[in-house]
Amino acid sequence: MNTSTGLRERKKVATRQALHEAAVRLAVERGLSNVTVEAIADAVDLSRRTFSNYFDGKEDAVLYGYEQGLRTLLDLLRVRPAEESPWTALRQAFHGLHSDPDEPDPHWLAEYRLVRENPSLLARQLAALARVERELTEVIAERIGDQPGGSTRARVMAATFLTGLRLAMQLWLDEPRARPLSEVADTVFDQISARFE
């Protein structure tokens, strides 16, 4: 029974990922406003009803990778050495997100560009950031020995880090070949790190 459950869960994860990839590809090719849920479902040979089991709409399908990236960031932070300061651990977790720190994943990059071009995605991206910010606050609070729920310090640090991350990406997208993303992010983080070191 555990094998069956494991297989079923892997299939669900694969289906969700396939829908996400189709949504991003079609949105890049056609523009988000010209993509329908039916077109996304058709691209992976699924029904509209099946699509609805995984995502509420095309925007959620497009942003799935972004949200997964934020979840990976949380996982990477949780396993950073306890002796690192919270801010250093956050920065190191960020650097662990991509296999090539100088070049972000092209699929993730396409997703982020779509967000810049579509206000409906930006609103949902900010909602995703708010959800992750709460979890990030908890992880930081635990790291600095704060109360569950986090102190003001943990909340400010989480919000500032995520804002810095978003700003670094925007700056890098303005001139993607001028400097590697990791360098742009480090410059942004250096500007604010004195508050948390």
N, C-alpha and C. Protein backbone atom coordinates (compact mmCIF):
# COMPACT_ATOMS: atom_id res chain seq x y z
N MET A 1 0.82 -1.19 0.00
CA MET A 1 0.00 0.00 0.00
C MET A 1 0.86 1.26 0.00
N ASN A 2 1.97 1.26 0.76
CA ASN A 2 2.86 2.41 0.77
C ASN A 2 3.48 2.64 -0.60
N THR A 3 3.81 1.56 -1.30
CA THR A 3 4.37 1.68 -2.64
C THR A 3 3.37 2.32 -3.58
N SER A 4 2.12 1.89 -3.47
CA SER A 4 1.05 2.44 -4.30
C SER A 4 0.83 3.92 -4.00
N THR A 5 0.83 4.27 -2.71
CA THR A 5 0.66 5.67 -2.33
C THR A 5 1.82 6.50 -2.83
N GLY A 6 3.04 5.98 -2.70
CA GLY A 6 4.22 6.69 -3.18
C GLY A 6 4.18 6.92 -4.67
N LEU A 7 3.77 5.92 -5.43
CA LEU A 7 3.66 6.05 -6.88
C LEU A 7 2.60 7.07 -7.25
N ARG A 8 1.48 7.01 -6.56
CA ARG A 8 0.39 7.96 -6.83
C ARG A 8 0.85 9.40 -6.58
N GLU A 9 1.57 9.60 -5.48
CA GLU A 9 2.06 10.94 -5.16
C GLU A 9 3.07 11.43 -6.19
N ARG A 10 3.96 10.52 -6.64
CA ARG A 10 4.94 10.90 -7.67
C ARG A 10 4.24 11.29 -8.96
N LYS A 11 3.17 10.56 -9.31
CA LYS A 11 2.42 10.90 -10.52
C LYS A 11 1.75 12.26 -10.39
N LYS A 12 1.23 12.56 -9.20
CA LYS A 12 0.62 13.87 -8.98
C LYS A 12 1.65 14.99 -9.13
N VAL A 13 2.82 14.79 -8.54
CA VAL A 13 3.89 15.78 -8.64
C VAL A 13 4.29 15.97 -10.11
N ALA A 14 4.42 14.86 -10.84
CA ALA A 14 4.80 14.94 -12.25
C ALA A 14 3.73 15.65 -13.08
N THR A 15 2.47 15.38 -12.79
CA THR A 15 1.38 16.02 -13.52
C THR A 15 1.36 17.52 -13.24
N ARG A 16 1.51 17.88 -11.97
CA ARG A 16 1.55 19.31 -11.60
C ARG A 16 2.70 20.02 -12.31
N GLN A 17 3.86 19.37 -12.34
CA GLN A 17 5.03 19.95 -13.00
C GLN A 17 4.80 20.09 -14.50
N ALA A 18 4.20 19.08 -15.12
CA ALA A 18 3.93 19.13 -16.56
C ALA A 18 2.97 20.27 -16.90
N LEU A 19 1.94 20.44 -16.08
CA LEU A 19 0.99 21.54 -16.29
C LEU A 19 1.68 22.89 -16.13
N HIS A 20 2.52 22.99 -15.13
CA HIS A 20 3.27 24.23 -14.90
C HIS A 20 4.16 24.55 -16.11
N GLU A 21 4.92 23.56 -16.56
CA GLU A 21 5.82 23.80 -17.69
C GLU A 21 5.06 24.18 -18.95
N ALA A 22 3.93 23.53 -19.18
CA ALA A 22 3.10 23.87 -20.35
C ALA A 22 2.56 25.29 -20.22
N ALA A 23 2.14 25.67 -19.03
CA ALA A 23 1.60 27.02 -18.82
C ALA A 23 2.66 28.09 -19.10
N VAL A 24 3.86 27.88 -18.60
CA VAL A 24 4.94 28.84 -18.83
C VAL A 24 5.28 28.90 -20.31
N ARG A 25 5.44 27.73 -20.93
CA ARG A 25 5.81 27.69 -22.36
C ARG A 25 4.77 28.41 -23.21
N LEU A 26 3.49 28.11 -22.99
CA LEU A 26 2.44 28.73 -23.78
C LEU A 26 2.34 30.23 -23.51
N ALA A 27 2.53 30.64 -22.27
CA ALA A 27 2.47 32.06 -21.93
C ALA A 27 3.62 32.83 -22.58
N VAL A 28 4.79 32.21 -22.65
CA VAL A 28 5.93 32.84 -23.33
C VAL A 28 5.67 32.93 -24.82
N GLU A 29 5.15 31.86 -25.40
CA GLU A 29 4.91 31.82 -26.85
C GLU A 29 3.78 32.74 -27.29
N ARG A 30 2.67 32.76 -26.53
CA ARG A 30 1.45 33.44 -26.98
C ARG A 30 1.12 34.70 -26.21
N GLY A 31 1.73 34.88 -25.06
CA GLY A 31 1.31 35.94 -24.15
C GLY A 31 0.27 35.36 -23.20
N LEU A 32 0.36 35.72 -21.94
CA LEU A 32 -0.51 35.12 -20.93
C LEU A 32 -1.99 35.32 -21.25
N SER A 33 -2.36 36.50 -21.73
CA SER A 33 -3.78 36.78 -21.98
C SER A 33 -4.34 35.92 -23.11
N ASN A 34 -3.47 35.35 -23.94
CA ASN A 34 -3.92 34.52 -25.05
C ASN A 34 -3.89 33.03 -24.74
N VAL A 35 -3.63 32.69 -23.49
CA VAL A 35 -3.55 31.28 -23.09
C VAL A 35 -4.77 30.95 -22.24
N THR A 36 -5.39 29.83 -22.54
CA THR A 36 -6.54 29.37 -21.76
C THR A 36 -6.15 28.15 -20.93
N VAL A 37 -6.94 27.89 -19.93
CA VAL A 37 -6.74 26.69 -19.12
C VAL A 37 -6.88 25.45 -20.01
N GLU A 38 -7.83 25.49 -20.94
CA GLU A 38 -8.03 24.36 -21.85
C GLU A 38 -6.78 24.10 -22.68
N ALA A 39 -6.13 25.17 -23.15
CA ALA A 39 -4.91 25.01 -23.95
C ALA A 39 -3.79 24.37 -23.13
N ILE A 40 -3.69 24.77 -21.88
CA ILE A 40 -2.67 24.19 -21.00
C ILE A 40 -2.96 22.71 -20.78
N ALA A 41 -4.21 22.40 -20.47
CA ALA A 41 -4.60 21.00 -20.24
C ALA A 41 -4.37 20.17 -21.50
N ASP A 42 -4.75 20.71 -22.66
CA ASP A 42 -4.56 20.00 -23.93
C ASP A 42 -3.08 19.71 -24.20
N ALA A 43 -2.22 20.66 -23.81
CA ALA A 43 -0.79 20.51 -24.08
C ALA A 43 -0.19 19.30 -23.38
N VAL A 44 -0.83 18.85 -22.30
CA VAL A 44 -0.33 17.67 -21.59
C VAL A 44 -1.35 16.54 -21.61
N ASP A 45 -2.29 16.60 -22.56
CA ASP A 45 -3.30 15.56 -22.75
C ASP A 45 -4.12 15.28 -21.49
N LEU A 46 -4.60 16.36 -20.87
CA LEU A 46 -5.46 16.23 -19.70
C LEU A 46 -6.75 17.01 -19.94
N SER A 47 -7.74 16.73 -19.15
CA SER A 47 -9.01 17.46 -19.26
C SER A 47 -8.95 18.74 -18.44
N ARG A 48 -9.86 19.64 -18.75
CA ARG A 48 -10.00 20.89 -17.97
C ARG A 48 -10.29 20.56 -16.51
N ARG A 49 -11.10 19.55 -16.30
CA ARG A 49 -11.45 19.14 -14.94
C ARG A 49 -10.21 18.65 -14.18
N THR A 50 -9.36 17.90 -14.86
CA THR A 50 -8.13 17.43 -14.21
C THR A 50 -7.23 18.61 -13.87
N PHE A 51 -7.14 19.57 -14.78
CA PHE A 51 -6.36 20.78 -14.50
C PHE A 51 -6.82 21.40 -13.18
N SER A 52 -8.14 21.48 -13.00
CA SER A 52 -8.72 22.12 -11.81
C SER A 52 -8.40 21.36 -10.52
N ASN A 53 -8.02 20.10 -10.64
CA ASN A 53 -7.60 19.35 -9.45
C ASN A 53 -6.22 19.80 -8.96
N TYR A 54 -5.48 20.48 -9.84
CA TYR A 54 -4.11 20.87 -9.51
C TYR A 54 -3.94 22.37 -9.30
N PHE A 55 -4.65 23.18 -10.09
CA PHE A 55 -4.49 24.63 -10.02
C PHE A 55 -5.85 25.31 -10.12
N ASP A 56 -5.95 26.47 -9.49
CA ASP A 56 -7.19 27.25 -9.56
C ASP A 56 -7.32 28.00 -10.88
N GLY A 57 -6.19 28.30 -11.51
CA GLY A 57 -6.23 29.03 -12.77
C GLY A 57 -4.87 29.02 -13.44
N LYS A 58 -4.80 29.63 -14.60
CA LYS A 58 -3.54 29.61 -15.36
C LYS A 58 -2.43 30.37 -14.63
N GLU A 59 -2.80 31.44 -13.90
CA GLU A 59 -1.79 32.18 -13.16
C GLU A 59 -1.11 31.31 -12.10
N ASP A 60 -1.91 30.52 -11.41
CA ASP A 60 -1.34 29.61 -10.40
C ASP A 60 -0.43 28.58 -11.04
N ALA A 61 -0.81 28.11 -12.22
CA ALA A 61 0.03 27.14 -12.94
C ALA A 61 1.36 27.76 -13.33
N VAL A 62 1.32 28.99 -13.81
CA VAL A 62 2.56 29.67 -14.21
C VAL A 62 3.47 29.88 -13.01
N LEU A 63 2.91 30.28 -11.88
CA LEU A 63 3.72 30.63 -10.71
C LEU A 63 4.14 29.44 -9.85
N TYR A 64 3.73 28.25 -10.21
CA TYR A 64 4.06 27.08 -9.41
C TYR A 64 5.57 26.94 -9.19
N GLY A 65 6.35 27.12 -10.22
CA GLY A 65 7.81 26.99 -10.11
C GLY A 65 8.40 28.03 -9.17
N TYR A 66 7.87 29.23 -9.23
CA TYR A 66 8.33 30.30 -8.34
C TYR A 66 8.07 29.91 -6.88
N GLU A 67 6.86 29.43 -6.62
CA GLU A 67 6.52 29.03 -5.25
C GLU A 67 7.39 27.85 -4.80
N GLN A 68 7.66 26.92 -5.70
CA GLN A 68 8.52 25.79 -5.35
C GLN A 68 9.94 26.27 -5.04
N GLY A 69 10.40 27.28 -5.77
CA GLY A 69 11.71 27.85 -5.49
C GLY A 69 11.79 28.46 -4.09
N LEU A 70 10.71 29.14 -3.71
CA LEU A 70 10.66 29.71 -2.36
C LEU A 70 10.65 28.61 -1.30
N ARG A 71 9.95 27.52 -1.58
CA ARG A 71 9.92 26.39 -0.64
C ARG A 71 11.31 25.76 -0.53
N THR A 72 12.01 25.66 -1.65
CA THR A 72 13.38 25.12 -1.63
C THR A 72 14.29 26.02 -0.81
N LEU A 73 14.11 27.33 -0.95
CA LEU A 73 14.88 28.28 -0.15
C LEU A 73 14.68 28.01 1.34
N LEU A 74 13.44 27.79 1.75
CA LEU A 74 13.16 27.47 3.15
C LEU A 74 13.86 26.19 3.58
N ASP A 75 13.80 25.16 2.73
CA ASP A 75 14.45 23.89 3.05
C ASP A 75 15.96 24.07 3.19
N LEU A 76 16.54 24.85 2.28
CA LEU A 76 17.99 25.08 2.34
C LEU A 76 18.38 25.86 3.60
N LEU A 77 17.53 26.79 3.99
CA LEU A 77 17.80 27.56 5.21
C LEU A 77 17.76 26.66 6.45
N ARG A 78 16.80 25.76 6.48
CA ARG A 78 16.65 24.88 7.65
C ARG A 78 17.88 24.00 7.90
N VAL A 79 18.63 23.69 6.86
CA VAL A 79 19.78 22.80 7.04
C VAL A 79 21.12 23.55 7.10
N ARG A 80 21.07 24.88 7.11
CA ARG A 80 22.32 25.64 7.26
C ARG A 80 22.87 25.41 8.66
N PRO A 81 24.20 25.47 8.82
CA PRO A 81 24.81 25.25 10.15
C PRO A 81 24.25 26.21 11.20
N ALA A 82 24.01 25.70 12.37
CA ALA A 82 23.41 26.49 13.46
C ALA A 82 24.28 27.66 13.87
N GLU A 83 25.60 27.54 13.69
CA GLU A 83 26.49 28.62 14.13
C GLU A 83 26.48 29.83 13.19
N GLU A 84 25.91 29.69 12.00
CA GLU A 84 25.82 30.83 11.09
C GLU A 84 24.79 31.83 11.62
N SER A 85 25.08 33.10 11.41
CA SER A 85 24.07 34.10 11.76
C SER A 85 22.87 33.91 10.83
N PRO A 86 21.69 34.31 11.25
CA PRO A 86 20.52 34.14 10.39
C PRO A 86 20.69 34.79 9.02
N TRP A 87 21.28 35.97 8.99
CA TRP A 87 21.43 36.67 7.71
C TRP A 87 22.40 35.94 6.79
N THR A 88 23.50 35.46 7.35
CA THR A 88 24.46 34.68 6.56
C THR A 88 23.80 33.40 6.05
N ALA A 89 23.04 32.74 6.92
CA ALA A 89 22.35 31.51 6.51
C ALA A 89 21.36 31.79 5.38
N LEU A 90 20.65 32.90 5.45
CA LEU A 90 19.73 33.28 4.37
C LEU A 90 20.47 33.47 3.05
N ARG A 91 21.57 34.18 3.10
CA ARG A 91 22.36 34.43 1.88
C ARG A 91 22.90 33.12 1.30
N GLN A 92 23.40 32.26 2.18
CA GLN A 92 23.94 30.99 1.69
C GLN A 92 22.85 30.10 1.12
N ALA A 93 21.68 30.14 1.74
CA ALA A 93 20.54 29.38 1.20
C ALA A 93 20.19 29.87 -0.19
N PHE A 94 20.19 31.19 -0.38
CA PHE A 94 19.92 31.75 -1.71
C PHE A 94 20.94 31.24 -2.72
N HIS A 95 22.21 31.24 -2.35
CA HIS A 95 23.26 30.80 -3.28
C HIS A 95 23.13 29.30 -3.61
N GLY A 96 22.47 28.56 -2.75
CA GLY A 96 22.26 27.14 -3.02
C GLY A 96 21.07 26.85 -3.91
N LEU A 97 20.30 27.88 -4.25
CA LEU A 97 19.09 27.66 -5.06
C LEU A 97 19.37 27.19 -6.48
N HIS A 98 20.44 27.66 -7.07
CA HIS A 98 20.70 27.38 -8.49
C HIS A 98 22.00 26.59 -8.64
N SER A 99 22.00 25.66 -9.56
CA SER A 99 23.21 24.88 -9.79
C SER A 99 24.33 25.76 -10.32
N ASP A 100 24.00 26.76 -11.13
CA ASP A 100 24.98 27.73 -11.59
C ASP A 100 24.59 29.08 -10.99
N PRO A 101 25.33 29.54 -9.97
CA PRO A 101 24.93 30.76 -9.28
C PRO A 101 24.98 32.01 -10.16
N ASP A 102 25.73 31.95 -11.26
CA ASP A 102 25.83 33.11 -12.14
C ASP A 102 24.72 33.16 -13.18
N GLU A 103 24.07 32.03 -13.45
CA GLU A 103 23.01 31.98 -14.44
C GLU A 103 21.80 31.26 -13.86
N PRO A 104 20.71 31.98 -13.61
CA PRO A 104 19.52 31.30 -13.09
C PRO A 104 18.94 30.33 -14.11
N ASP A 105 18.18 29.38 -13.62
CA ASP A 105 17.52 28.40 -14.47
C ASP A 105 16.69 29.12 -15.54
N PRO A 106 16.84 28.78 -16.82
CA PRO A 106 16.11 29.48 -17.89
C PRO A 106 14.59 29.42 -17.72
N HIS A 107 14.09 28.31 -17.22
CA HIS A 107 12.65 28.18 -17.02
C HIS A 107 12.19 29.14 -15.93
N TRP A 108 12.93 29.21 -14.85
CA TRP A 108 12.62 30.13 -13.75
C TRP A 108 12.71 31.57 -14.23
N LEU A 109 13.70 31.84 -15.06
CA LEU A 109 13.88 33.19 -15.61
C LEU A 109 12.70 33.59 -16.49
N ALA A 110 12.22 32.66 -17.33
CA ALA A 110 11.05 32.94 -18.16
C ALA A 110 9.84 33.24 -17.30
N GLU A 111 9.69 32.50 -16.23
CA GLU A 111 8.59 32.70 -15.30
C GLU A 111 8.66 34.09 -14.68
N TYR A 112 9.84 34.49 -14.27
CA TYR A 112 10.00 35.80 -13.63
C TYR A 112 9.72 36.93 -14.62
N ARG A 113 10.15 36.74 -15.87
CA ARG A 113 9.85 37.76 -16.89
C ARG A 113 8.35 37.88 -17.14
N LEU A 114 7.66 36.76 -17.11
CA LEU A 114 6.20 36.79 -17.26
C LEU A 114 5.56 37.60 -16.14
N VAL A 115 6.09 37.47 -14.94
CA VAL A 115 5.55 38.22 -13.81
C VAL A 115 5.72 39.72 -14.06
N ARG A 116 6.87 40.11 -14.56
CA ARG A 116 7.11 41.54 -14.84
C ARG A 116 6.15 42.08 -15.89
N GLU A 117 5.75 41.24 -16.81
CA GLU A 117 4.92 41.68 -17.93
C GLU A 117 3.42 41.61 -17.65
N ASN A 118 3.02 40.91 -16.59
CA ASN A 118 1.60 40.66 -16.34
C ASN A 118 1.22 41.01 -14.91
N PRO A 119 0.50 42.12 -14.74
CA PRO A 119 0.10 42.54 -13.39
C PRO A 119 -0.68 41.47 -12.61
N SER A 120 -1.46 40.64 -13.32
CA SER A 120 -2.21 39.60 -12.61
C SER A 120 -1.27 38.59 -11.95
N LEU A 121 -0.13 38.36 -12.57
CA LEU A 121 0.86 37.46 -11.97
C LEU A 121 1.59 38.14 -10.82
N LEU A 122 1.83 39.42 -10.95
CA LEU A 122 2.54 40.14 -9.89
C LEU A 122 1.75 40.09 -8.58
N ALA A 123 0.44 40.29 -8.68
CA ALA A 123 -0.40 40.24 -7.47
C ALA A 123 -0.32 38.87 -6.81
N ARG A 124 -0.34 37.82 -7.60
CA ARG A 124 -0.27 36.47 -7.04
C ARG A 124 1.13 36.17 -6.52
N GLN A 125 2.15 36.71 -7.18
CA GLN A 125 3.51 36.51 -6.69
C GLN A 125 3.67 37.14 -5.31
N LEU A 126 3.12 38.33 -5.13
CA LEU A 126 3.21 39.00 -3.84
C LEU A 126 2.46 38.21 -2.76
N ALA A 127 1.34 37.61 -3.13
CA ALA A 127 0.60 36.76 -2.18
C ALA A 127 1.44 35.55 -1.79
N ALA A 128 2.14 34.97 -2.75
CA ALA A 128 3.01 33.82 -2.46
C ALA A 128 4.16 34.25 -1.54
N LEU A 129 4.72 35.43 -1.79
CA LEU A 129 5.78 35.94 -0.93
C LEU A 129 5.28 36.13 0.50
N ALA A 130 4.07 36.63 0.65
CA ALA A 130 3.51 36.84 1.99
C ALA A 130 3.36 35.52 2.73
N ARG A 131 2.93 34.46 2.02
CA ARG A 131 2.78 33.15 2.66
C ARG A 131 4.14 32.62 3.11
N VAL A 132 5.13 32.74 2.24
CA VAL A 132 6.46 32.23 2.57
C VAL A 132 7.11 33.09 3.65
N GLU A 133 6.81 34.37 3.64
CA GLU A 133 7.38 35.26 4.65
C GLU A 133 7.01 34.80 6.06
N ARG A 134 5.79 34.33 6.24
CA ARG A 134 5.38 33.83 7.56
C ARG A 134 6.22 32.62 7.97
N GLU A 135 6.41 31.70 7.04
CA GLU A 135 7.23 30.51 7.34
C GLU A 135 8.69 30.88 7.57
N LEU A 136 9.17 31.81 6.75
CA LEU A 136 10.55 32.25 6.88
C LEU A 136 10.77 32.91 8.24
N THR A 137 9.80 33.68 8.70
CA THR A 137 9.87 34.29 10.03
C THR A 137 10.01 33.23 11.10
N GLU A 138 9.23 32.14 10.97
CA GLU A 138 9.31 31.04 11.95
C GLU A 138 10.70 30.42 11.99
N VAL A 139 11.27 30.19 10.80
CA VAL A 139 12.60 29.56 10.74
C VAL A 139 13.65 30.49 11.33
N ILE A 140 13.57 31.77 11.01
CA ILE A 140 14.53 32.74 11.56
C ILE A 140 14.37 32.84 13.08
N ALA A 141 13.12 32.90 13.54
CA ALA A 141 12.86 33.01 14.97
C ALA A 141 13.46 31.82 15.72
N GLU A 142 13.30 30.64 15.17
CA GLU A 142 13.88 29.44 15.79
C GLU A 142 15.40 29.54 15.83
N ARG A 143 15.98 30.04 14.76
CA ARG A 143 17.43 30.15 14.65
C ARG A 143 17.99 31.14 15.68
N ILE A 144 17.24 32.20 15.98
CA ILE A 144 17.74 33.20 16.94
C ILE A 144 17.16 33.01 18.34
N GLY A 145 16.39 31.91 18.50
CA GLY A 145 15.87 31.59 19.82
C GLY A 145 14.69 32.44 20.25
N ASP A 146 13.93 32.92 19.30
CA ASP A 146 12.74 33.73 19.61
C ASP A 146 11.53 32.86 19.89
N GLN A 147 10.47 33.52 20.31
CA GLN A 147 9.19 32.86 20.53
C GLN A 147 8.67 32.27 19.23
N PRO A 148 7.89 31.17 19.30
CA PRO A 148 7.20 30.71 18.11
C PRO A 148 6.32 31.85 17.60
N GLY A 149 6.31 32.03 16.32
CA GLY A 149 5.57 33.16 15.74
C GLY A 149 6.51 34.29 15.39
N GLY A 150 7.66 34.31 16.05
CA GLY A 150 8.69 35.26 15.70
C GLY A 150 8.54 36.62 16.34
N SER A 151 9.67 37.23 16.59
CA SER A 151 9.72 38.58 17.13
C SER A 151 9.63 39.56 15.97
N THR A 152 9.59 40.81 16.32
CA THR A 152 9.63 41.85 15.29
C THR A 152 10.92 41.72 14.49
N ARG A 153 12.03 41.42 15.17
CA ARG A 153 13.32 41.27 14.48
C ARG A 153 13.25 40.18 13.42
N ALA A 154 12.69 39.02 13.76
CA ALA A 154 12.60 37.92 12.80
C ALA A 154 11.69 38.30 11.63
N ARG A 155 10.60 38.98 11.92
CA ARG A 155 9.67 39.39 10.85
C ARG A 155 10.31 40.41 9.92
N VAL A 156 11.02 41.38 10.51
CA VAL A 156 11.68 42.39 9.68
C VAL A 156 12.75 41.74 8.82
N MET A 157 13.51 40.81 9.41
CA MET A 157 14.56 40.15 8.64
C MET A 157 13.98 39.35 7.47
N ALA A 158 12.93 38.60 7.72
CA ALA A 158 12.30 37.80 6.66
C ALA A 158 11.78 38.70 5.54
N ALA A 159 11.06 39.74 5.91
CA ALA A 159 10.49 40.65 4.91
C ALA A 159 11.59 41.36 4.13
N THR A 160 12.63 41.79 4.82
CA THR A 160 13.73 42.50 4.17
C THR A 160 14.48 41.59 3.21
N PHE A 161 14.72 40.36 3.64
CA PHE A 161 15.43 39.42 2.76
C PHE A 161 14.64 39.16 1.49
N LEU A 162 13.35 38.89 1.62
CA LEU A 162 12.53 38.60 0.43
C LEU A 162 12.42 39.82 -0.47
N THR A 163 12.36 41.01 0.13
CA THR A 163 12.35 42.23 -0.68
C THR A 163 13.68 42.40 -1.41
N GLY A 164 14.77 42.14 -0.71
CA GLY A 164 16.09 42.21 -1.35
C GLY A 164 16.23 41.23 -2.49
N LEU A 165 15.71 40.04 -2.29
CA LEU A 165 15.74 39.01 -3.33
C LEU A 165 14.96 39.45 -4.57
N ARG A 166 13.77 40.00 -4.33
CA ARG A 166 12.94 40.48 -5.44
C ARG A 166 13.61 41.65 -6.16
N LEU A 167 14.21 42.57 -5.40
CA LEU A 167 14.90 43.70 -5.98
C LEU A 167 16.11 43.26 -6.80
N ALA A 168 16.87 42.31 -6.27
CA ALA A 168 18.04 41.81 -7.00
C ALA A 168 17.62 41.23 -8.35
N MET A 169 16.54 40.48 -8.35
CA MET A 169 16.07 39.90 -9.60
C MET A 169 15.65 40.98 -10.59
N GLN A 170 14.96 42.00 -10.09
CA GLN A 170 14.54 43.09 -10.98
C GLN A 170 15.74 43.83 -11.54
N LEU A 171 16.72 44.13 -10.70
CA LEU A 171 17.93 44.81 -11.17
C LEU A 171 18.66 43.98 -12.20
N TRP A 172 18.76 42.68 -11.95
CA TRP A 172 19.46 41.81 -12.88
C TRP A 172 18.72 41.73 -14.21
N LEU A 173 17.40 41.65 -14.17
CA LEU A 173 16.63 41.58 -15.41
C LEU A 173 16.74 42.87 -16.23
N ASP A 174 17.00 43.99 -15.57
CA ASP A 174 17.18 45.26 -16.30
C ASP A 174 18.43 45.20 -17.17
N GLU A 175 19.48 44.54 -16.68
CA GLU A 175 20.74 44.39 -17.43
C GLU A 175 21.31 43.00 -17.20
N PRO A 176 20.69 41.97 -17.80
CA PRO A 176 21.06 40.59 -17.47
C PRO A 176 22.48 40.19 -17.84
N ARG A 177 23.10 40.87 -18.73
CA ARG A 177 24.46 40.47 -19.12
C ARG A 177 25.54 41.33 -18.46
N ALA A 178 25.13 42.36 -17.74
CA ALA A 178 26.12 43.25 -17.12
C ALA A 178 26.90 42.54 -16.00
N ARG A 179 26.17 41.82 -15.14
CA ARG A 179 26.80 41.10 -14.02
C ARG A 179 26.00 39.85 -13.74
N PRO A 180 26.63 38.82 -13.18
CA PRO A 180 25.87 37.63 -12.80
C PRO A 180 24.82 37.96 -11.73
N LEU A 181 23.73 37.21 -11.73
CA LEU A 181 22.67 37.42 -10.75
C LEU A 181 23.21 37.31 -9.33
N SER A 182 24.08 36.34 -9.08
CA SER A 182 24.60 36.16 -7.72
C SER A 182 25.35 37.40 -7.25
N GLU A 183 26.06 38.06 -8.16
CA GLU A 183 26.79 39.28 -7.81
C GLU A 183 25.84 40.43 -7.52
N VAL A 184 24.79 40.55 -8.33
CA VAL A 184 23.79 41.59 -8.10
C VAL A 184 23.12 41.37 -6.75
N ALA A 185 22.75 40.12 -6.47
CA ALA A 185 22.11 39.80 -5.19
C ALA A 185 23.04 40.11 -4.03
N ASP A 186 24.31 39.76 -4.15
CA ASP A 186 25.25 40.05 -3.06
C ASP A 186 25.39 41.55 -2.82
N THR A 187 25.37 42.33 -3.90
CA THR A 187 25.44 43.78 -3.75
C THR A 187 24.24 44.30 -2.97
N VAL A 188 23.05 43.81 -3.32
CA VAL A 188 21.83 44.22 -2.61
C VAL A 188 21.91 43.78 -1.15
N PHE A 189 22.28 42.53 -0.93
CA PHE A 189 22.34 42.03 0.45
C PHE A 189 23.40 42.75 1.27
N ASP A 190 24.51 43.13 0.63
CA ASP A 190 25.54 43.88 1.35
C ASP A 190 25.01 45.23 1.84
N GLN A 191 24.14 45.83 1.04
CA GLN A 191 23.58 47.13 1.40
C GLN A 191 22.73 47.05 2.66
N ILE A 192 22.12 45.90 2.89
CA ILE A 192 21.22 45.80 4.04
C ILE A 192 21.73 44.89 5.15
N SER A 193 22.84 44.19 4.92
CA SER A 193 23.27 43.18 5.90
C SER A 193 23.74 43.77 7.21
N ALA A 194 24.20 45.00 7.22
CA ALA A 194 24.69 45.59 8.48
C ALA A 194 23.59 45.64 9.53
N ARG A 195 22.33 45.62 9.10
CA ARG A 195 21.23 45.65 10.05
C ARG A 195 21.04 44.32 10.77
N PHE A 196 21.57 43.22 10.21
CA PHE A 196 21.26 41.90 10.76
C PHE A 196 22.49 41.09 11.16
N GLU A 197 23.66 41.55 10.88
CA GLU A 197 24.87 40.78 11.23
C GLU A 197 25.24 41.01 12.68
